Amino acid sequence: MLKKIYKGTVLSNKMDKTVVIAVTRLYQHPVYKKTVKRVTKFKAHDENNKCQIGDIVRIIETRPLSKEKRWVVIE
């Protein structure tokens, strides 16, 4: 099974071993055909608390680690 990998920016690192990542994607509006930017926030596991706010990171899908965490920072 292929796991999803996204690239995003760190918004928050205030939790222990957890970071909030903003993933931005562009898509075309189905009716108006205009390109729209949508930002989705994910909580990701950061084992060593290395991530700082503003870092560009890659996250990969994983098993549920807590109520909202389903992603792990890979680089």
Protein backbone atom coordinates (compact mmCIF):
# COMPACT_ATOMS: atom_id res chain seq x y z
CA MET A 1 0.00 0.00 0.00
CA LEU A 2 1.36 3.41 -0.98
CA LYS A 3 1.37 5.99 1.79
CA LYS A 4 0.69 9.66 1.08
CA ILE A 5 3.62 12.06 1.39
CA TYR A 6 3.04 15.81 1.65
CA LYS A 7 5.32 18.82 1.90
CA GLY A 8 4.35 21.70 4.17
CA THR A 9 5.39 24.43 6.59
CA VAL A 10 5.59 24.14 10.37
CA LEU A 11 3.01 26.44 12.02
CA SER A 12 3.38 25.40 15.66
CA ASN A 13 5.85 23.37 17.72
CA LYS A 14 4.54 24.12 21.21
CA MET A 15 3.42 20.55 21.95
CA ASP A 16 5.82 17.83 23.06
CA LYS A 17 6.88 15.62 20.10
CA THR A 18 4.09 17.09 17.94
CA VAL A 19 4.10 19.78 15.27
CA VAL A 20 1.28 21.38 13.27
CA ILE A 21 1.98 21.40 9.52
CA ALA A 22 0.18 23.56 6.93
CA VAL A 23 -0.05 21.87 3.53
CA THR A 24 -1.08 24.18 0.67
CA ARG A 25 -2.59 22.76 -2.50
CA LEU A 26 -3.90 24.40 -5.65
CA TYR A 27 -6.95 23.11 -7.46
CA GLN A 28 -9.30 24.35 -10.15
CA HIS A 29 -12.80 25.42 -9.11
CA PRO A 30 -15.31 23.07 -10.76
CA VAL A 31 -17.72 25.81 -11.92
CA TYR A 32 -15.65 28.98 -12.31
CA LYS A 33 -12.41 27.30 -13.50
CA LYS A 34 -10.35 29.61 -11.32
CA THR A 35 -7.29 28.26 -9.49
CA VAL A 36 -8.00 28.21 -5.76
CA LYS A 37 -5.50 27.79 -2.93
CA ARG A 38 -6.56 25.57 -0.03
CA VAL A 39 -4.58 25.16 3.20
CA THR A 40 -5.00 22.01 5.31
CA LYS A 41 -3.48 21.63 8.78
CA PHE A 42 -2.11 18.28 9.96
CA LYS A 43 -0.66 17.24 13.32
CA ALA A 44 2.54 15.24 12.85
CA HIS A 45 4.84 13.30 15.16
CA ASP A 46 8.31 14.87 15.63
CA GLU A 47 10.26 12.40 17.80
CA ASN A 48 13.24 14.62 18.68
CA ASN A 49 11.47 18.02 18.76
CA LYS A 50 13.79 19.22 15.94
CA CYS A 51 11.25 21.20 13.89
CA GLN A 52 11.13 24.98 14.26
CA ILE A 53 8.35 27.33 13.14
CA GLY A 54 8.72 28.14 9.44
CA ASP A 55 10.63 24.96 8.50
CA ILE A 56 9.68 23.17 5.28
CA VAL A 57 9.12 19.49 6.12
CA ARG A 58 7.86 16.30 4.49
CA ILE A 59 5.29 14.17 6.32
CA ILE A 60 4.15 10.61 5.64
CA GLU A 61 0.91 8.87 6.53
CA THR A 62 1.05 6.35 9.38
CA ARG A 63 -1.12 4.47 11.86
CA PRO A 64 -3.04 6.60 14.39
CA LEU A 65 -0.61 7.79 17.08
CA SER A 66 -3.19 9.74 19.10
CA LYS A 67 -6.67 11.18 18.66
CA GLU A 68 -5.60 13.58 15.88
CA LYS A 69 -2.05 12.50 14.91
CA ARG A 70 -1.82 10.30 11.80
CA TRP A 71 1.39 11.69 10.25
CA VAL A 72 5.14 11.46 10.95
CA VAL A 73 7.82 14.01 9.97
CA ILE A 74 10.39 12.29 7.72
CA GLU A 75 12.73 15.18 6.88
